[in-house]
Amino acid sequence: MTLEKIEELGFFLYETQKNHHTYQVENLTGDANIEWAGWYANFMLENGLNDRFGLAYNQQGLTRFLQDADNEFRSEEREERWSVFYARKMLDN
């Protein structure tokens, strides 16, 4: 795993966040989406996550990963961006 790959996947996660925000504003009138991980997983898989990064996630596995990574990230103060943390963990799997 290279730093370049981590940063590329981190940017992909950031782009996913931006698209999710648009979805929230336009479809949920700004309300929080408690099913965010499923939305992210679907978006990422439809936009080539596995092919672009050599991964083999399915919808359920990626949703679970995102929920677990979020819980771990929030469990303590971190200096790295959430997207880099998730990307590093995802590429380590």
C-alpha atoms as a PDB file:
ATOM      1  CA  MET A   1       0.000   0.000   0.000  1.00  0.00           C
ATOM      2  CA  THR A   2       1.453   3.313  -1.057  1.00  0.00           C
ATOM      3  CA  LEU A   3       0.804   6.785   0.265  1.00  0.00           C
ATOM      4  CA  GLU A   4      -0.418   7.724  -3.207  1.00  0.00           C
ATOM      5  CA  LYS A   5      -3.087   4.978  -3.116  1.00  0.00           C
ATOM      6  CA  ILE A   6      -4.186   6.039   0.366  1.00  0.00           C
ATOM      7  CA  GLU A   7      -4.540   9.636  -0.766  1.00  0.00           C
ATOM      8  CA  GLU A   8      -6.390   8.611  -3.943  1.00  0.00           C
ATOM      9  CA  LEU A   9      -8.863   6.492  -1.982  1.00  0.00           C
ATOM     10  CA  GLY A  10      -9.137   9.232   0.643  1.00  0.00           C
ATOM     11  CA  PHE A  11     -10.134  11.670  -2.096  1.00  0.00           C
ATOM     12  CA  PHE A  12     -12.679   9.131  -3.424  1.00  0.00           C
ATOM     13  CA  LEU A  13     -14.177   8.968   0.085  1.00  0.00           C
ATOM     14  CA  TYR A  14     -14.236  12.766   0.272  1.00  0.00           C
ATOM     15  CA  GLU A  15     -16.043  12.918  -3.088  1.00  0.00           C
ATOM     16  CA  THR A  16     -18.527  10.371  -1.746  1.00  0.00           C
ATOM     17  CA  GLN A  17     -19.127  12.629   1.253  1.00  0.00           C
ATOM     18  CA  LYS A  18     -19.791  15.612  -1.013  1.00  0.00           C
ATOM     19  CA  ASN A  19     -22.308  13.619  -3.054  1.00  0.00           C
ATOM     20  CA  HIS A  20     -23.976  12.367   0.115  1.00  0.00           C
ATOM     21  CA  HIS A  21     -24.298  15.915   1.385  1.00  0.00           C
ATOM     22  CA  THR A  22     -26.039  16.898  -1.853  1.00  0.00           C
ATOM     23  CA  TYR A  23     -28.364  13.907  -1.441  1.00  0.00           C
ATOM     24  CA  GLN A  24     -29.175  14.957   2.129  1.00  0.00           C
ATOM     25  CA  VAL A  25     -29.951  18.531   1.156  1.00  0.00           C
ATOM     26  CA  GLU A  26     -32.006  17.667  -1.914  1.00  0.00           C
ATOM     27  CA  ASN A  27     -33.792  14.519  -0.738  1.00  0.00           C
ATOM     28  CA  LEU A  28     -33.829  14.640   3.039  1.00  0.00           C
ATOM     29  CA  THR A  29     -34.217  18.419   3.359  1.00  0.00           C
ATOM     30  CA  GLY A  30     -30.979  18.536   5.325  1.00  0.00           C
ATOM     31  CA  ASP A  31     -31.954  15.942   7.917  1.00  0.00           C
ATOM     32  CA  ALA A  32     -29.286  13.515   9.086  1.00  0.00           C
ATOM     33  CA  ASN A  33     -29.233  10.236   7.197  1.00  0.00           C
ATOM     34  CA  ILE A  34     -28.987   7.439   9.752  1.00  0.00           C
ATOM     35  CA  GLU A  35     -28.454   5.002   6.865  1.00  0.00           C
ATOM     36  CA  TRP A  36     -25.424   6.926   5.627  1.00  0.00           C
ATOM     37  CA  ALA A  37     -23.102   3.892   5.534  1.00  0.00           C
ATOM     38  CA  GLY A  38     -25.408   2.006   3.180  1.00  0.00           C
ATOM     39  CA  TRP A  39     -25.719   5.063   0.949  1.00  0.00           C
ATOM     40  CA  TYR A  40     -21.923   5.499   0.893  1.00  0.00           C
ATOM     41  CA  ALA A  41     -21.403   1.792   0.128  1.00  0.00           C
ATOM     42  CA  ASN A  42     -23.869   1.848  -2.740  1.00  0.00           C
ATOM     43  CA  PHE A  43     -22.388   5.033  -4.197  1.00  0.00           C
ATOM     44  CA  MET A  44     -18.810   3.809  -3.890  1.00  0.00           C
ATOM     45  CA  LEU A  45     -19.522   0.422  -5.436  1.00  0.00           C
ATOM     46  CA  GLU A  46     -21.492   1.968  -8.305  1.00  0.00           C
ATOM     47  CA  ASN A  47     -18.580   4.333  -8.955  1.00  0.00           C
ATOM     48  CA  GLY A  48     -15.955   1.620  -9.293  1.00  0.00           C
ATOM     49  CA  LEU A  49     -14.439   1.243  -5.825  1.00  0.00           C
ATOM     50  CA  ASN A  50     -13.405  -2.376  -6.317  1.00  0.00           C
ATOM     51  CA  ASP A  51     -12.005  -1.977  -9.822  1.00  0.00           C
ATOM     52  CA  ARG A  52     -10.203   1.285  -9.101  1.00  0.00           C
ATOM     53  CA  PHE A  53      -8.539   0.098  -5.907  1.00  0.00           C
ATOM     54  CA  GLY A  54      -8.273  -3.679  -6.314  1.00  0.00           C
ATOM     55  CA  LEU A  55     -10.795  -4.393  -3.568  1.00  0.00           C
ATOM     56  CA  ALA A  56     -13.552  -7.004  -3.349  1.00  0.00           C
ATOM     57  CA  TYR A  57     -16.309  -5.485  -1.233  1.00  0.00           C
ATOM     58  CA  ASN A  58     -19.996  -6.248  -1.559  1.00  0.00           C
ATOM     59  CA  GLN A  59     -22.757  -3.916  -0.326  1.00  0.00           C
ATOM     60  CA  GLN A  60     -23.177  -5.550   3.071  1.00  0.00           C
ATOM     61  CA  GLY A  61     -19.459  -5.918   3.766  1.00  0.00           C
ATOM     62  CA  LEU A  62     -18.663  -2.342   2.803  1.00  0.00           C
ATOM     63  CA  THR A  63     -21.558  -0.965   4.832  1.00  0.00           C
ATOM     64  CA  ARG A  64     -20.300  -2.873   7.880  1.00  0.00           C
ATOM     65  CA  PHE A  65     -16.722  -1.717   7.275  1.00  0.00           C
ATOM     66  CA  LEU A  66     -17.817   1.932   7.076  1.00  0.00           C
ATOM     67  CA  GLN A  67     -19.834   1.676  10.296  1.00  0.00           C
ATOM     68  CA  ASP A  68     -16.938   0.010  12.120  1.00  0.00           C
ATOM     69  CA  ALA A  69     -14.369   2.491  10.775  1.00  0.00           C
ATOM     70  CA  ASP A  70     -16.596   5.381  11.837  1.00  0.00           C
ATOM     71  CA  ASN A  71     -16.959   3.989  15.352  1.00  0.00           C
ATOM     72  CA  GLU A  72     -13.206   3.448  15.626  1.00  0.00           C
ATOM     73  CA  PHE A  73     -12.385   6.885  14.231  1.00  0.00           C
ATOM     74  CA  ARG A  74     -14.729   8.602  16.686  1.00  0.00           C
ATOM     75  CA  SER A  75     -13.470   6.563  19.654  1.00  0.00           C
ATOM     76  CA  GLU A  76     -10.491   8.865  20.191  1.00  0.00           C
ATOM     77  CA  GLU A  77      -9.009  12.164  19.084  1.00  0.00           C
ATOM     78  CA  ARG A  78      -7.111  11.817  15.796  1.00  0.00           C
ATOM     79  CA  GLU A  79      -4.968  14.169  13.786  1.00  0.00           C
ATOM     80  CA  GLU A  80      -5.517  12.543  10.400  1.00  0.00           C
ATOM     81  CA  ARG A  81      -8.613  13.245   8.359  1.00  0.00           C
ATOM     82  CA  TRP A  82     -11.398  10.684   8.582  1.00  0.00           C
ATOM     83  CA  SER A  83     -11.082   9.939   4.866  1.00  0.00           C
ATOM     84  CA  VAL A  84      -7.381   9.065   5.171  1.00  0.00           C
ATOM     85  CA  PHE A  85      -8.043   6.924   8.250  1.00  0.00           C
ATOM     86  CA  TYR A  86     -10.788   4.979   6.430  1.00  0.00           C
ATOM     87  CA  ALA A  87      -8.676   4.640   3.265  1.00  0.00           C
ATOM     88  CA  ARG A  88      -5.687   3.282   5.172  1.00  0.00           C
ATOM     89  CA  LYS A  89      -7.862   0.736   6.975  1.00  0.00           C
ATOM     90  CA  MET A  90      -9.659  -0.237   3.777  1.00  0.00           C
ATOM     91  CA  LEU A  91      -6.412  -0.883   1.905  1.00  0.00           C
ATOM     92  CA  ASP A  92      -4.989  -2.816   4.880  1.00  0.00           C
ATOM     93  CA  ASN A  93      -7.854  -5.352   4.744  1.00  0.00           C
END
